[in-house]
């Protein structure tokens, strides 16, 4: 199942550089993909959009995981 979210905040947005760099994107994608039930994650830093492909994971669990990772999405 593919879930899509717009986010208002990522933990990397608190950096002083305010740079939406590819390193931050990769770190967030890797952290999400490390969770059980997440098959794939794509982060569009400029568009502030997440695409997450899950397998057997409830959307509410995904939202909790996002919060745990410091991602405020809706």
PDB file of N, CA and C in Angstrom:
ATOM      1  N   UNK A   1       0.848  -1.168   0.000  1.00  0.00           N
ATOM      2  CA  UNK A   1       0.000   0.000   0.000  1.00  0.00           C
ATOM      3  C   UNK A   1       0.900   1.239   0.000  1.00  0.00           C
ATOM      4  N   UNK A   2       0.556   2.199  -0.812  1.00  0.00           N
ATOM      5  CA  UNK A   2       1.318   3.435  -0.909  1.00  0.00           C
ATOM      6  C   UNK A   2       0.623   4.518  -0.094  1.00  0.00           C
ATOM      7  N   UNK A   3       1.370   5.125   0.820  1.00  0.00           N
ATOM      8  CA  UNK A   3       0.864   6.219   1.637  1.00  0.00           C
ATOM      9  C   UNK A   3       1.616   7.484   1.258  1.00  0.00           C
ATOM     10  N   UNK A   4       0.900   8.591   1.225  1.00  0.00           N
ATOM     11  CA  UNK A   4       1.531   9.866   0.885  1.00  0.00           C
ATOM     12  C   UNK A   4       1.184  10.892   1.948  1.00  0.00           C
ATOM     13  N   UNK A   5       2.186  11.676   2.315  1.00  0.00           N
ATOM     14  CA  UNK A   5       2.017  12.696   3.346  1.00  0.00           C
ATOM     15  C   UNK A   5       2.735  13.971   2.923  1.00  0.00           C
ATOM     16  N   UNK A   6       2.157  15.094   3.281  1.00  0.00           N
ATOM     17  CA  UNK A   6       2.868  16.361   3.214  1.00  0.00           C
ATOM     18  C   UNK A   6       3.419  16.595   4.618  1.00  0.00           C
ATOM     19  N   UNK A   7       4.646  17.081   4.698  1.00  0.00           N
ATOM     20  CA  UNK A   7       5.199  17.326   6.027  1.00  0.00           C
ATOM     21  C   UNK A   7       5.466  18.811   6.222  1.00  0.00           C
ATOM     22  N   UNK A   8       5.376  19.203   7.471  1.00  0.00           N
ATOM     23  CA  UNK A   8       5.627  20.603   7.820  1.00  0.00           C
ATOM     24  C   UNK A   8       6.975  20.769   8.499  1.00  0.00           C
ATOM     25  N   UNK A   9       7.537  19.657   8.983  1.00  0.00           N
ATOM     26  CA  UNK A   9       8.808  19.744   9.693  1.00  0.00           C
ATOM     27  C   UNK A   9       9.536  18.414   9.603  1.00  0.00           C
ATOM     28  N   UNK A  10      10.819  18.472   9.346  1.00  0.00           N
ATOM     29  CA  UNK A  10      11.729  17.334   9.474  1.00  0.00           C
ATOM     30  C   UNK A  10      12.805  17.748  10.460  1.00  0.00           C
ATOM     31  N   UNK A  11      13.346  16.802  11.187  1.00  0.00           N
ATOM     32  CA  UNK A  11      14.361  17.149  12.189  1.00  0.00           C
ATOM     33  C   UNK A  11      15.524  17.920  11.565  1.00  0.00           C
ATOM     34  N   UNK A  12      15.853  17.667  10.317  1.00  0.00           N
ATOM     35  CA  UNK A  12      16.966  18.363   9.684  1.00  0.00           C
ATOM     36  C   UNK A  12      16.645  19.828   9.402  1.00  0.00           C
ATOM     37  N   UNK A  13      15.371  20.198   9.416  1.00  0.00           N
ATOM     38  CA  UNK A  13      15.016  21.583   9.166  1.00  0.00           C
ATOM     39  C   UNK A  13      15.396  22.484  10.341  1.00  0.00           C
ATOM     40  N   UNK A  14      15.859  21.888  11.420  1.00  0.00           N
ATOM     41  CA  UNK A  14      16.291  22.700  12.556  1.00  0.00           C
ATOM     42  C   UNK A  14      17.773  23.044  12.454  1.00  0.00           C
ATOM     43  N   UNK A  15      18.446  22.576  11.409  1.00  0.00           N
ATOM     44  CA  UNK A  15      19.868  22.882  11.265  1.00  0.00           C
ATOM     45  C   UNK A  15      20.053  24.365  10.949  1.00  0.00           C
ATOM     46  N   UNK A  16      21.172  24.900  11.330  1.00  0.00           N
ATOM     47  CA  UNK A  16      21.407  26.330  11.135  1.00  0.00           C
ATOM     48  C   UNK A  16      21.607  26.679   9.665  1.00  0.00           C
ATOM     49  N   UNK A  17      21.999  25.732   8.853  1.00  0.00           N
ATOM     50  CA  UNK A  17      22.232  26.003   7.434  1.00  0.00           C
ATOM     51  C   UNK A  17      20.933  26.188   6.666  1.00  0.00           C
ATOM     52  N   UNK A  18      19.836  25.617   7.197  1.00  0.00           N
ATOM     53  CA  UNK A  18      18.562  25.658   6.496  1.00  0.00           C
ATOM     54  C   UNK A  18      18.700  25.152   5.060  1.00  0.00           C
ATOM     55  N   UNK A  19      19.527  24.143   4.893  1.00  0.00           N
ATOM     56  CA  UNK A  19      19.775  23.579   3.566  1.00  0.00           C
ATOM     57  C   UNK A  19      19.028  22.256   3.442  1.00  0.00           C
ATOM     58  N   UNK A  20      18.233  22.130   2.406  1.00  0.00           N
ATOM     59  CA  UNK A  20      17.508  20.891   2.156  1.00  0.00           C
ATOM     60  C   UNK A  20      18.389  20.008   1.275  1.00  0.00           C
ATOM     61  N   UNK A  21      19.358  19.410   1.903  1.00  0.00           N
ATOM     62  CA  UNK A  21      20.376  18.706   1.131  1.00  0.00           C
ATOM     63  C   UNK A  21      20.034  17.227   0.937  1.00  0.00           C
ATOM     64  N   UNK A  22      20.715  16.638   0.005  1.00  0.00           N
ATOM     65  CA  UNK A  22      20.463  15.228  -0.306  1.00  0.00           C
ATOM     66  C   UNK A  22      20.888  14.321   0.839  1.00  0.00           C
ATOM     67  N   UNK A  23      21.878  14.729   1.627  1.00  0.00           N
ATOM     68  CA  UNK A  23      22.302  13.894   2.758  1.00  0.00           C
ATOM     69  C   UNK A  23      21.160  13.722   3.757  1.00  0.00           C
ATOM     70  N   UNK A  24      20.468  14.796   4.060  1.00  0.00           N
ATOM     71  CA  UNK A  24      19.331  14.709   4.980  1.00  0.00           C
ATOM     72  C   UNK A  24      18.237  13.813   4.408  1.00  0.00           C
ATOM     73  N   UNK A  25      17.975  13.970   3.130  1.00  0.00           N
ATOM     74  CA  UNK A  25      16.947  13.155   2.472  1.00  0.00           C
ATOM     75  C   UNK A  25      17.287  11.681   2.595  1.00  0.00           C
ATOM     76  N   UNK A  26      18.529  11.348   2.309  1.00  0.00           N
ATOM     77  CA  UNK A  26      18.960   9.945   2.372  1.00  0.00           C
ATOM     78  C   UNK A  26      18.856   9.414   3.803  1.00  0.00           C
ATOM     79  N   UNK A  27      19.256  10.213   4.779  1.00  0.00           N
ATOM     80  CA  UNK A  27      19.184   9.775   6.178  1.00  0.00           C
ATOM     81  C   UNK A  27      17.747   9.480   6.591  1.00  0.00           C
ATOM     82  N   UNK A  28      16.821  10.330   6.211  1.00  0.00           N
ATOM     83  CA  UNK A  28      15.417  10.123   6.566  1.00  0.00           C
ATOM     84  C   UNK A  28      14.873   8.886   5.847  1.00  0.00           C
ATOM     85  N   UNK A  29      15.170   8.744   4.561  1.00  0.00           N
ATOM     86  CA  UNK A  29      14.703   7.566   3.816  1.00  0.00           C
ATOM     87  C   UNK A  29      15.256   6.277   4.416  1.00  0.00           C
ATOM     88  N   UNK A  30      16.532   6.265   4.773  1.00  0.00           N
ATOM     89  CA  UNK A  30      17.133   5.067   5.369  1.00  0.00           C
ATOM     90  C   UNK A  30      16.512   4.748   6.723  1.00  0.00           C
ATOM     91  N   UNK A  31      16.259   5.772   7.532  1.00  0.00           N
ATOM     92  CA  UNK A  31      15.647   5.548   8.840  1.00  0.00           C
ATOM     93  C   UNK A  31      14.251   4.960   8.693  1.00  0.00           C
ATOM     94  N   UNK A  32      13.483   5.470   7.750  1.00  0.00           N
ATOM     95  CA  UNK A  32      12.135   4.942   7.540  1.00  0.00           C
ATOM     96  C   UNK A  32      12.178   3.518   6.997  1.00  0.00           C
ATOM     97  N   UNK A  33      13.062   3.254   6.055  1.00  0.00           N
ATOM     98  CA  UNK A  33      13.149   1.918   5.454  1.00  0.00           C
ATOM     99  C   UNK A  33      13.661   0.868   6.447  1.00  0.00           C
ATOM    100  N   UNK A  34      14.312   1.302   7.497  1.00  0.00           N
ATOM    101  CA  UNK A  34      14.808   0.366   8.504  1.00  0.00           C
ATOM    102  C   UNK A  34      13.676  -0.179   9.382  1.00  0.00           C
ATOM    103  N   UNK A  35      12.531   0.476   9.365  1.00  0.00           N
ATOM    104  CA  UNK A  35      11.394   0.047  10.182  1.00  0.00           C
ATOM    105  C   UNK A  35      10.714  -1.161   9.554  1.00  0.00           C
ATOM    106  N   UNK A  36      10.270  -2.075  10.405  1.00  0.00           N
ATOM    107  CA  UNK A  36       9.527  -3.243   9.926  1.00  0.00           C
ATOM    108  C   UNK A  36       8.252  -2.794   9.225  1.00  0.00           C
ATOM    109  N   UNK A  37       7.995  -3.360   8.075  1.00  0.00           N
ATOM    110  CA  UNK A  37       6.769  -3.091   7.346  1.00  0.00           C
ATOM    111  C   UNK A  37       6.874  -1.989   6.312  1.00  0.00           C
ATOM    112  N   UNK A  38       7.986  -1.261   6.307  1.00  0.00           N
ATOM    113  CA  UNK A  38       8.166  -0.221   5.294  1.00  0.00           C
ATOM    114  C   UNK A  38       9.080  -0.768   4.216  1.00  0.00           C
ATOM    115  N   UNK A  39       8.548  -0.823   3.000  1.00  0.00           N
ATOM    116  CA  UNK A  39       9.278  -1.374   1.868  1.00  0.00           C
ATOM    117  C   UNK A  39      10.130  -0.314   1.165  1.00  0.00           C
ATOM    118  N   UNK A  40       9.585   0.905   1.083  1.00  0.00           N
ATOM    119  CA  UNK A  40      10.260   1.965   0.344  1.00  0.00           C
ATOM    120  C   UNK A  40       9.793   3.301   0.881  1.00  0.00           C
ATOM    121  N   UNK A  41      10.699   4.281   0.889  1.00  0.00           N
ATOM    122  CA  UNK A  41      10.344   5.638   1.308  1.00  0.00           C
ATOM    123  C   UNK A  41      11.053   6.628   0.397  1.00  0.00           C
ATOM    124  N   UNK A  42      10.307   7.631  -0.034  1.00  0.00           N
ATOM    125  CA  UNK A  42      10.868   8.695  -0.863  1.00  0.00           C
ATOM    126  C   UNK A  42      10.523  10.026  -0.211  1.00  0.00           C
ATOM    127  N   UNK A  43      11.528  10.874  -0.076  1.00  0.00           N
ATOM    128  CA  UNK A  43      11.333  12.189   0.525  1.00  0.00           C
ATOM    129  C   UNK A  43      11.639  13.252  -0.522  1.00  0.00           C
ATOM    130  N   UNK A  44      10.671  14.126  -0.750  1.00  0.00           N
ATOM    131  CA  UNK A  44      10.859  15.279  -1.624  1.00  0.00           C
ATOM    132  C   UNK A  44      11.043  16.483  -0.704  1.00  0.00           C
ATOM    133  N   UNK A  45      12.304  16.877  -0.491  1.00  0.00           N
ATOM    134  CA  UNK A  45      12.616  17.936   0.454  1.00  0.00           C
ATOM    135  C   UNK A  45      12.026  19.276   0.020  1.00  0.00           C
ATOM    136  N   UNK A  46      12.168  19.622  -1.233  1.00  0.00           N
ATOM    137  CA  UNK A  46      11.681  20.917  -1.706  1.00  0.00           C
ATOM    138  C   UNK A  46      10.157  20.984  -1.703  1.00  0.00           C
ATOM    139  N   UNK A  47       9.509  19.903  -2.104  1.00  0.00           N
ATOM    140  CA  UNK A  47       8.054  19.863  -2.140  1.00  0.00           C
ATOM    141  C   UNK A  47       7.422  19.503  -0.809  1.00  0.00           C
ATOM    142  N   UNK A  48       8.267  19.130   0.170  1.00  0.00           N
ATOM    143  CA  UNK A  48       7.809  18.728   1.506  1.00  0.00           C
ATOM    144  C   UNK A  48       6.749  17.625   1.409  1.00  0.00           C
ATOM    145  N   UNK A  49       7.134  16.532   0.743  1.00  0.00           N
ATOM    146  CA  UNK A  49       6.205  15.439   0.498  1.00  0.00           C
ATOM    147  C   UNK A  49       6.900  14.093   0.735  1.00  0.00           C
ATOM    148  N   UNK A  50       6.171  13.165   1.348  1.00  0.00           N
ATOM    149  CA  UNK A  50       6.659  11.807   1.599  1.00  0.00           C
ATOM    150  C   UNK A  50       5.804  10.809   0.844  1.00  0.00           C
ATOM    151  N   UNK A  51       6.450   9.801   0.277  1.00  0.00           N
ATOM    152  CA  UNK A  51       5.773   8.650  -0.317  1.00  0.00           C
ATOM    153  C   UNK A  51       6.360   7.426   0.373  1.00  0.00           C
ATOM    154  N   UNK A  52       5.494   6.661   1.013  1.00  0.00           N
ATOM    155  CA  UNK A  52       5.945   5.506   1.780  1.00  0.00           C
ATOM    156  C   UNK A  52       5.151   4.287   1.346  1.00  0.00           C
ATOM    157  N   UNK A  53       5.863   3.261   0.918  1.00  0.00           N
ATOM    158  CA  UNK A  53       5.218   2.006   0.540  1.00  0.00           C
ATOM    159  C   UNK A  53       5.343   1.045   1.716  1.00  0.00           C
ATOM    160  N   UNK A  54       4.183   0.584   2.199  1.00  0.00           N
ATOM    161  CA  UNK A  54       4.167  -0.300   3.361  1.00  0.00           C
ATOM    162  C   UNK A  54       3.625  -1.672   2.979  1.00  0.00           C
ATOM    163  N   UNK A  55       3.997  -2.649   3.791  1.00  0.00           N
ATOM    164  CA  UNK A  55       3.522  -4.009   3.602  1.00  0.00           C
ATOM    165  C   UNK A  55       3.050  -4.519   4.962  1.00  0.00           C
ATOM    166  N   UNK A  56       1.725  -4.517   5.157  1.00  0.00           N
ATOM    167  CA  UNK A  56       1.153  -5.029   6.394  1.00  0.00           C
ATOM    168  C   UNK A  56       1.277  -4.091   7.582  1.00  0.00           C
ATOM    169  N   UNK A  57       1.525  -2.839   7.345  1.00  0.00           N
ATOM    170  CA  UNK A  57       1.671  -1.870   8.419  1.00  0.00           C
ATOM    171  C   UNK A  57       0.474  -0.922   8.388  1.00  0.00           C
ATOM    172  N   UNK A  58      -0.149  -0.725   9.521  1.00  0.00           N
ATOM    173  CA  UNK A  58      -1.307   0.151   9.632  1.00  0.00           C
ATOM    174  C   UNK A  58      -0.879   1.612   9.460  1.00  0.00           C
ATOM    175  N   UNK A  59      -1.666   2.413   8.731  1.00  0.00           N
ATOM    176  CA  UNK A  59      -1.318   3.825   8.551  1.00  0.00           C
ATOM    177  C   UNK A  59      -1.124   4.582   9.875  1.00  0.00           C
ATOM    178  N   UNK A  60      -1.862   4.223  10.909  1.00  0.00           N
ATOM    179  CA  UNK A  60      -1.668   4.886  12.205  1.00  0.00           C
ATOM    180  C   UNK A  60      -0.293   4.575  12.782  1.00  0.00           C
ATOM    181  N   UNK A  61       0.192   3.359  12.554  1.00  0.00           N
ATOM    182  CA  UNK A  61       1.538   2.997  13.002  1.00  0.00           C
ATOM    183  C   UNK A  61       2.588   3.792  12.229  1.00  0.00           C
ATOM    184  N   UNK A  62       2.325   4.041  10.949  1.00  0.00           N
ATOM    185  CA  UNK A  62       3.248   4.833  10.133  1.00  0.00           C
ATOM    186  C   UNK A  62       3.313   6.259  10.675  1.00  0.00           C
ATOM    187  N   UNK A  63       2.164   6.831  11.001  1.00  0.00           N
ATOM    188  CA  UNK A  63       2.146   8.190  11.538  1.00  0.00           C
ATOM    189  C   UNK A  63       2.905   8.276  12.856  1.00  0.00           C
ATOM    190  N   UNK A  64       2.781   7.260  13.692  1.00  0.00           N
ATOM    191  CA  UNK A  64       3.533   7.221  14.954  1.00  0.00           C
ATOM    192  C   UNK A  64       5.029   7.114  14.682  1.00  0.00           C
ATOM    193  N   UNK A  65       5.394   6.309  13.725  1.00  0.00           N
ATOM    194  CA  UNK A  65       6.792   6.165  13.347  1.00  0.00           C
ATOM    195  C   UNK A  65       7.358   7.496  12.844  1.00  0.00           C
ATOM    196  N   UNK A  66       6.581   8.206  12.038  1.00  0.00           N
ATOM    197  CA  UNK A  66       7.020   9.507  11.538  1.00  0.00           C
ATOM    198  C   UNK A  66       7.303  10.462  12.691  1.00  0.00           C
ATOM    199  N   UNK A  67       6.410  10.488  13.671  1.00  0.00           N
ATOM    200  CA  UNK A  67       6.608  11.340  14.839  1.00  0.00           C
ATOM    201  C   UNK A  67       7.863  10.937  15.596  1.00  0.00           C
ATOM    202  N   UNK A  68       8.075   9.627  15.758  1.00  0.00           N
ATOM    203  CA  UNK A  68       9.276   9.127  16.447  1.00  0.00           C
ATOM    204  C   UNK A  68      10.553   9.554  15.731  1.00  0.00           C
ATOM    205  N   UNK A  69      10.473   9.686  14.408  1.00  0.00           N
ATOM    206  CA  UNK A  69      11.637  10.092  13.602  1.00  0.00           C
ATOM    207  C   UNK A  69      11.768  11.607  13.516  1.00  0.00           C
ATOM    208  N   UNK A  70      10.885  12.351  14.176  1.00  0.00           N
ATOM    209  CA  UNK A  70      10.964  13.802  14.155  1.00  0.00           C
ATOM    210  C   UNK A  70      10.390  14.415  12.900  1.00  0.00           C
ATOM    211  N   UNK A  71       9.394  13.742  12.316  1.00  0.00           N
ATOM    212  CA  UNK A  71       8.740  14.220  11.096  1.00  0.00           C
ATOM    213  C   UNK A  71       7.294  14.550  11.434  1.00  0.00           C
ATOM    214  N   UNK A  72       6.929  15.804  11.224  1.00  0.00           N
ATOM    215  CA  UNK A  72       5.544  16.209  11.464  1.00  0.00           C
ATOM    216  C   UNK A  72       4.835  16.241  10.116  1.00  0.00           C
ATOM    217  N   UNK A  73       3.912  15.282   9.937  1.00  0.00           N
ATOM    218  CA  UNK A  73       3.246  15.128   8.650  1.00  0.00           C
ATOM    219  C   UNK A  73       1.742  15.047   8.858  1.00  0.00           C
ATOM    220  N   UNK A  74       1.017  15.337   7.798  1.00  0.00           N
ATOM    221  CA  UNK A  74      -0.425  15.250   7.880  1.00  0.00           C
ATOM    222  C   UNK A  74      -1.030  14.857   6.573  1.00  0.00           C
TER     223      UNK A  74
END
